[in-house]
C-alpha atoms as a PDB file:
ATOM      1  CA  MET A   1     125.701  88.564 103.959  1.00  0.00           C
ATOM      2  CA  ILE A   2     122.501  89.746 105.703  1.00  0.00           C
ATOM      3  CA  ARG A   3     123.381  93.393 104.985  1.00  0.00           C
ATOM      4  CA  ARG A   4     123.674  92.674 101.250  1.00  0.00           C
ATOM      5  CA  LYS A   5     120.222  91.063 101.126  1.00  0.00           C
ATOM      6  CA  LEU A   6     118.495  93.765 103.170  1.00  0.00           C
ATOM      7  CA  PRO A   7     118.272  96.382 100.345  1.00  0.00           C
ATOM      8  CA  ILE A   8     116.771  93.757  98.023  1.00  0.00           C
ATOM      9  CA  ALA A   9     114.195  92.775 100.651  1.00  0.00           C
ATOM     10  CA  ILE A  10     113.352  96.428 101.256  1.00  0.00           C
ATOM     11  CA  ALA A  11     112.804  97.033  97.540  1.00  0.00           C
ATOM     12  CA  ILE A  12     110.544  93.979  97.256  1.00  0.00           C
ATOM     13  CA  ILE A  13     108.471  94.983 100.287  1.00  0.00           C
ATOM     14  CA  ALA A  14     108.126  98.541  98.961  1.00  0.00           C
ATOM     15  CA  SER A  15     107.028  97.281  95.537  1.00  0.00           C
ATOM     16  CA  VAL A  16     104.448  94.918  97.007  1.00  0.00           C
ATOM     17  CA  GLY A  17     103.078  97.671  99.234  1.00  0.00           C
ATOM     18  CA  LEU A  18     102.777 100.135  96.369  1.00  0.00           C
ATOM     19  CA  ILE A  19     101.121  97.584  94.087  1.00  0.00           C
ATOM     20  CA  ALA A  20      98.656  96.690  96.835  1.00  0.00           C
ATOM     21  CA  CYS A  21      97.668 100.361  97.063  1.00  0.00           C
ATOM     22  CA  SER A  22      97.101 100.856  93.348  1.00  0.00           C
ATOM     23  CA  ASP A  23      93.337 100.161  93.150  1.00  0.00           C
ATOM     24  CA  MET A  24      91.746 103.596  92.643  1.00  0.00           C
ATOM     25  CA  THR A  25      88.299 102.275  91.712  1.00  0.00           C
ATOM     26  CA  ALA A  26      87.478 100.728  95.080  1.00  0.00           C
ATOM     27  CA  PRO A  27      85.148 102.986  97.077  1.00  0.00           C
ATOM     28  CA  ASN A  28      86.498 104.671 100.225  1.00  0.00           C
ATOM     29  CA  LYS A  29      89.713 102.689 100.100  1.00  0.00           C
ATOM     30  CA  LEU A  30      93.234 103.936 100.695  1.00  0.00           C
ATOM     31  CA  ALA A  31      94.965 100.793 101.968  1.00  0.00           C
ATOM     32  CA  PRO A  32      97.256 103.024 104.030  1.00  0.00           C
ATOM     33  CA  GLY A  33      98.690 100.151 106.060  1.00  0.00           C
ATOM     34  CA  GLY A  34     100.514  98.955 102.946  1.00  0.00           C
ATOM     35  CA  LEU A  35     101.347 102.502 101.847  1.00  0.00           C
ATOM     36  CA  SER A  36     102.709 103.435 105.247  1.00  0.00           C
ATOM     37  CA  SER A  37     105.080 100.470 105.338  1.00  0.00           C
ATOM     38  CA  ALA A  38     106.123 100.966 101.733  1.00  0.00           C
ATOM     39  CA  ALA A  39     106.735 104.673 102.182  1.00  0.00           C
ATOM     40  CA  ILE A  40     108.846 104.209 105.292  1.00  0.00           C
ATOM     41  CA  VAL A  41     110.872 101.392 103.760  1.00  0.00           C
ATOM     42  CA  ALA A  42     111.188 102.999 100.330  1.00  0.00           C
ATOM     43  CA  ALA A  43     112.922 106.009 101.857  1.00  0.00           C
ATOM     44  CA  ASN A  44     115.998 103.830 102.322  1.00  0.00           C
ATOM     45  CA  ALA A  45     115.658 101.793  99.135  1.00  0.00           C
ATOM     46  CA  GLY A  46     117.329 104.088  96.616  1.00  0.00           C
ATOM     47  CA  PRO A  47     116.447 107.112  94.519  1.00  0.00           C
ATOM     48  CA  VAL A  48     113.491 109.279  95.480  1.00  0.00           C
ATOM     49  CA  THR A  49     110.336 108.302  93.609  1.00  0.00           C
ATOM     50  CA  VAL A  50     106.736 109.469  93.485  1.00  0.00           C
ATOM     51  CA  VAL A  51     104.601 107.406  95.865  1.00  0.00           C
ATOM     52  CA  ALA A  52     101.201 108.949  95.160  1.00  0.00           C
ATOM     53  CA  ARG A  53      99.251 112.038  94.188  1.00  0.00           C
ATOM     54  CA  ILE A  54      96.391 113.608  96.115  1.00  0.00           C
ATOM     55  CA  ASN A  55      94.012 115.908  94.253  1.00  0.00           C
ATOM     56  CA  GLY A  56      90.670 117.382  95.030  1.00  0.00           C
ATOM     57  CA  GLY A  57      88.503 120.322  95.762  1.00  0.00           C
ATOM     58  CA  GLY A  58      84.979 121.396  96.528  1.00  0.00           C
ATOM     59  CA  THR A  59      83.042 122.405  99.588  1.00  0.00           C
ATOM     60  CA  ALA A  60      83.010 120.980 103.078  1.00  0.00           C
ATOM     61  CA  GLU A  61      80.969 121.519 106.200  1.00  0.00           C
ATOM     62  CA  MET A  62      82.811 121.996 109.482  1.00  0.00           C
ATOM     63  CA  GLN A  63      81.752 119.349 111.983  1.00  0.00           C
ATOM     64  CA  PRO A  64      81.461 119.422 115.804  1.00  0.00           C
ATOM     65  CA  PRO A  65      83.035 120.187 118.163  1.00  0.00           C
ATOM     66  CA  LEU A  66      83.847 123.402 116.255  1.00  0.00           C
ATOM     67  CA  ALA A  67      81.009 123.488 113.746  1.00  0.00           C
ATOM     68  CA  ALA A  68      81.434 126.754 111.875  1.00  0.00           C
ATOM     69  CA  GLY A  69      79.805 126.582 108.465  1.00  0.00           C
ATOM     70  CA  THR A  70      80.982 126.089 104.919  1.00  0.00           C
ATOM     71  CA  THR A  71      84.526 125.821 103.602  1.00  0.00           C
ATOM     72  CA  HIS A  72      85.732 126.012 100.000  1.00  0.00           C
ATOM     73  CA  TRP A  73      88.992 124.111  99.520  1.00  0.00           C
ATOM     74  CA  GLY A  74      91.379 122.657  96.958  1.00  0.00           C
ATOM     75  CA  ALA A  75      94.537 120.538  96.875  1.00  0.00           C
ATOM     76  CA  GLY A  76      97.047 119.223  94.363  1.00  0.00           C
ATOM     77  CA  VAL A  77      99.860 117.305  96.096  1.00  0.00           C
ATOM     78  CA  THR A  78     102.601 114.859  95.092  1.00  0.00           C
ATOM     79  CA  LEU A  79     104.024 112.541  97.778  1.00  0.00           C
ATOM     80  CA  TYR A  80     107.615 111.298  97.459  1.00  0.00           C
ATOM     81  CA  SER A  81     109.266 108.190  98.893  1.00  0.00           C
ATOM     82  CA  ASP A  82     111.649 110.207 101.099  1.00  0.00           C
ATOM     83  CA  GLY A  83     108.780 111.894 102.984  1.00  0.00           C
ATOM     84  CA  THR A  84     108.939 115.161 101.051  1.00  0.00           C
ATOM     85  CA  ALA A  85     105.987 116.517  99.103  1.00  0.00           C
ATOM     86  CA  SER A  86     105.185 119.203  96.555  1.00  0.00           C
ATOM     87  CA  GLY A  87     101.998 120.984  95.611  1.00  0.00           C
ATOM     88  CA  SER A  88      99.539 123.224  97.384  1.00  0.00           C
ATOM     89  CA  PHE A  89      96.530 123.325  99.686  1.00  0.00           C
ATOM     90  CA  ASP A  90      93.973 126.154 100.028  1.00  0.00           C
ATOM     91  CA  CYS A  91      91.041 126.506 102.419  1.00  0.00           C
ATOM     92  CA  VAL A  92      88.597 129.435 102.549  1.00  0.00           C
ATOM     93  CA  ASP A  93      86.146 129.671 105.452  1.00  0.00           C
ATOM     94  CA  GLN A  94      83.189 131.862 104.531  1.00  0.00           C
ATOM     95  CA  HIS A  95      82.690 135.160 106.331  1.00  0.00           C
ATOM     96  CA  GLY A  96      79.777 135.131 108.750  1.00  0.00           C
ATOM     97  CA  ASP A  97      80.182 131.530 109.896  1.00  0.00           C
ATOM     98  CA  ALA A  98      79.870 130.955 113.646  1.00  0.00           C
ATOM     99  CA  PRO A  99      81.809 130.631 115.937  1.00  0.00           C
ATOM    100  CA  GLY A 100      84.026 132.354 113.452  1.00  0.00           C
ATOM    101  CA  PHE A 101      87.345 131.488 111.863  1.00  0.00           C
ATOM    102  CA  PRO A 102      86.547 133.258 108.590  1.00  0.00           C
ATOM    103  CA  GLY A 103      89.521 133.659 106.332  1.00  0.00           C
ATOM    104  CA  ASN A 104      91.810 132.041 103.822  1.00  0.00           C
ATOM    105  CA  ILE A 105      94.701 129.718 104.670  1.00  0.00           C
ATOM    106  CA  TRP A 106      96.913 128.388 101.897  1.00  0.00           C
ATOM    107  CA  GLY A 107     100.423 127.190 101.215  1.00  0.00           C
ATOM    108  CA  GLU A 108     102.916 124.765  99.780  1.00  0.00           C
ATOM    109  CA  VAL A 109     102.928 121.177 101.024  1.00  0.00           C
ATOM    110  CA  THR A 110     106.525 120.383 102.021  1.00  0.00           C
ATOM    111  CA  SER A 111     106.374 116.926 103.620  1.00  0.00           C
ATOM    112  CA  TRP A 112     104.077 114.067 104.537  1.00  0.00           C
ATOM    113  CA  ARG A 113     103.787 111.000 106.748  1.00  0.00           C
ATOM    114  CA  MET A 114     101.301 108.364 107.803  1.00  0.00           C
ATOM    115  CA  GLU A 115      99.659 108.199 111.235  1.00  0.00           C
ATOM    116  CA  GLY A 116      97.977 104.809 111.103  1.00  0.00           C
ATOM    117  CA  THR A 117      95.488 105.153 108.241  1.00  0.00           C
ATOM    118  CA  VAL A 118      95.637 108.972 108.142  1.00  0.00           C
ATOM    119  CA  VAL A 119      97.721 110.861 105.559  1.00  0.00           C
ATOM    120  CA  VAL A 120      99.378 113.891 107.197  1.00  0.00           C
ATOM    121  CA  LEU A 121     100.424 116.853 105.017  1.00  0.00           C
ATOM    122  CA  ASN A 122     102.709 119.562 106.434  1.00  0.00           C
ATOM    123  CA  VAL A 123     102.134 122.956 104.839  1.00  0.00           C
ATOM    124  CA  VAL A 124     104.027 126.269 104.935  1.00  0.00           C
ATOM    125  CA  GLY A 125     102.034 129.272 103.819  1.00  0.00           C
ATOM    126  CA  LYS A 126      99.905 132.267 104.706  1.00  0.00           C
ATOM    127  CA  THR A 127      96.635 133.060 106.416  1.00  0.00           C
ATOM    128  CA  VAL A 128      94.346 136.071 106.071  1.00  0.00           C
ATOM    129  CA  SER A 129      91.427 136.729 108.408  1.00  0.00           C
ATOM    130  CA  PHE A 130      88.166 138.187 107.060  1.00  0.00           C
ATOM    131  CA  PRO A 131      87.309 141.018 107.020  1.00  0.00           C
ATOM    132  CA  GLY A 132      90.303 143.253 106.633  1.00  0.00           C
ATOM    133  CA  GLY A 133      93.121 140.981 107.691  1.00  0.00           C
ATOM    134  CA  HIS A 134      96.693 141.076 106.450  1.00  0.00           C
ATOM    135  CA  PRO A 135      98.607 137.975 105.289  1.00  0.00           C
ATOM    136  CA  GLN A 136     100.567 136.296 108.071  1.00  0.00           C
ATOM    137  CA  ASP A 137     103.066 133.470 107.808  1.00  0.00           C
ATOM    138  CA  VAL A 138     101.781 130.145 109.120  1.00  0.00           C
ATOM    139  CA  LYS A 139     102.687 126.465 109.269  1.00  0.00           C
ATOM    140  CA  PHE A 140      99.745 124.086 109.399  1.00  0.00           C
ATOM    141  CA  THR A 141      98.896 120.416 109.104  1.00  0.00           C
ATOM    142  CA  VAL A 142      96.149 118.811 107.051  1.00  0.00           C
ATOM    143  CA  LYS A 143      95.179 115.274 108.074  1.00  0.00           C
ATOM    144  CA  ILE A 144      93.137 113.321 105.544  1.00  0.00           C
ATOM    145  CA  GLN A 145      91.101 110.678 107.364  1.00  0.00           C
ATOM    146  CA  GLN A 146      88.998 109.488 104.416  1.00  0.00           C
ATOM    147  CA  PHE A 147      89.257 109.818 100.648  1.00  0.00           C
ATOM    148  CA  GLY A 148      86.039 110.115  98.661  1.00  0.00           C
ATOM    149  CA  GLY A 149      83.251 112.456  97.654  1.00  0.00           C
ATOM    150  CA  ALA A 150      80.372 114.235  99.358  1.00  0.00           C
ATOM    151  CA  GLY A 151      79.455 112.718 102.708  1.00  0.00           C
ATOM    152  CA  VAL A 152      82.565 110.508 102.678  1.00  0.00           C
ATOM    153  CA  GLY A 153      85.743 112.587 102.336  1.00  0.00           C
ATOM    154  CA  ARG A 154      87.073 113.893 105.674  1.00  0.00           C
ATOM    155  CA  TRP A 155      90.039 116.021 106.720  1.00  0.00           C
ATOM    156  CA  THR A 156      91.171 118.278 109.542  1.00  0.00           C
ATOM    157  CA  LEU A 157      93.324 121.386 109.660  1.00  0.00           C
ATOM    158  CA  GLU A 158      95.478 122.158 112.673  1.00  0.00           C
ATOM    159  CA  ILE A 159      97.946 124.834 113.708  1.00  0.00           C
ATOM    160  CA  ASP A 160     100.395 124.254 116.574  1.00  0.00           C
ATOM    161  CA  GLY A 161      98.524 121.123 117.665  1.00  0.00           C
ATOM    162  CA  PHE A 162      95.088 122.821 117.816  1.00  0.00           C
ATOM    163  CA  ILE A 163      92.487 121.482 115.383  1.00  0.00           C
ATOM    164  CA  TYR A 164      90.665 124.460 113.875  1.00  0.00           C
ATOM    165  CA  CYS A 165      88.272 122.459 111.747  1.00  0.00           C
ATOM    166  CA  TYR A 166      86.893 118.980 111.257  1.00  0.00           C
ATOM    167  CA  GLU A 167      85.713 118.906 107.641  1.00  0.00           C
ATOM    168  CA  LEU A 168      83.200 116.625 105.883  1.00  0.00           C
ATOM    169  CA  LEU A 169      82.889 117.074 102.118  1.00  0.00           C
ATOM    170  CA  THR A 170      79.538 118.331 100.817  1.00  0.00           C
ATOM    171  CA  SER A 171      80.649 118.528  97.163  1.00  0.00           C
ATOM    172  CA  GLY A 172      83.689 117.603  95.112  1.00  0.00           C
ATOM    173  CA  GLN A 173      86.104 114.897  96.189  1.00  0.00           C
ATOM    174  CA  ILE A 174      89.502 113.982  97.612  1.00  0.00           C
ATOM    175  CA  VAL A 175      91.285 111.517  95.323  1.00  0.00           C
ATOM    176  CA  TYR A 176      94.296 109.366  96.164  1.00  0.00           C
ATOM    177  CA  LYS A 177      96.213 107.943  93.195  1.00  0.00           C
ATOM    178  CA  PRO A 178      99.256 105.755  93.872  1.00  0.00           C
ATOM    179  CA  GLU A 179     102.047 105.829  91.291  1.00  0.00           C
END
């Protein structure tokens, strides 16, 4: 009897969590606690559905401890209830920035998860160092700490557990839109 009621309870909890996360007009608000629970539970609740979309682009300034200048970036990602994702992420670090990670890193977002209030995107793609580099295969992780515009939006990029940049938006925005 308990096993028959469990899928219904899971579906209700997932629905409540997704509805609670649907306010896009509130400033600096993701409500990831509800999204995290809903996403984890929804993975077992039935067919795969779209949980949310993340879109954005603009410029960002790399922050300490590895301050290294200006980044131009863009993202268009769809998050699914089974933890998979689709879409892309691109980040270009300007040549001449110090200490120097100039180049382009881009790829397809393949999966996602929550770490507390942080949205984690796993990406498979390429990187090219400036000047004169050749494309190399790379897997990297983008962690979005804060959605919003200039001075608010924050994300990091890491490869093999090493954070290469701590980014704070200086123009554009990162938008989270639940489905």
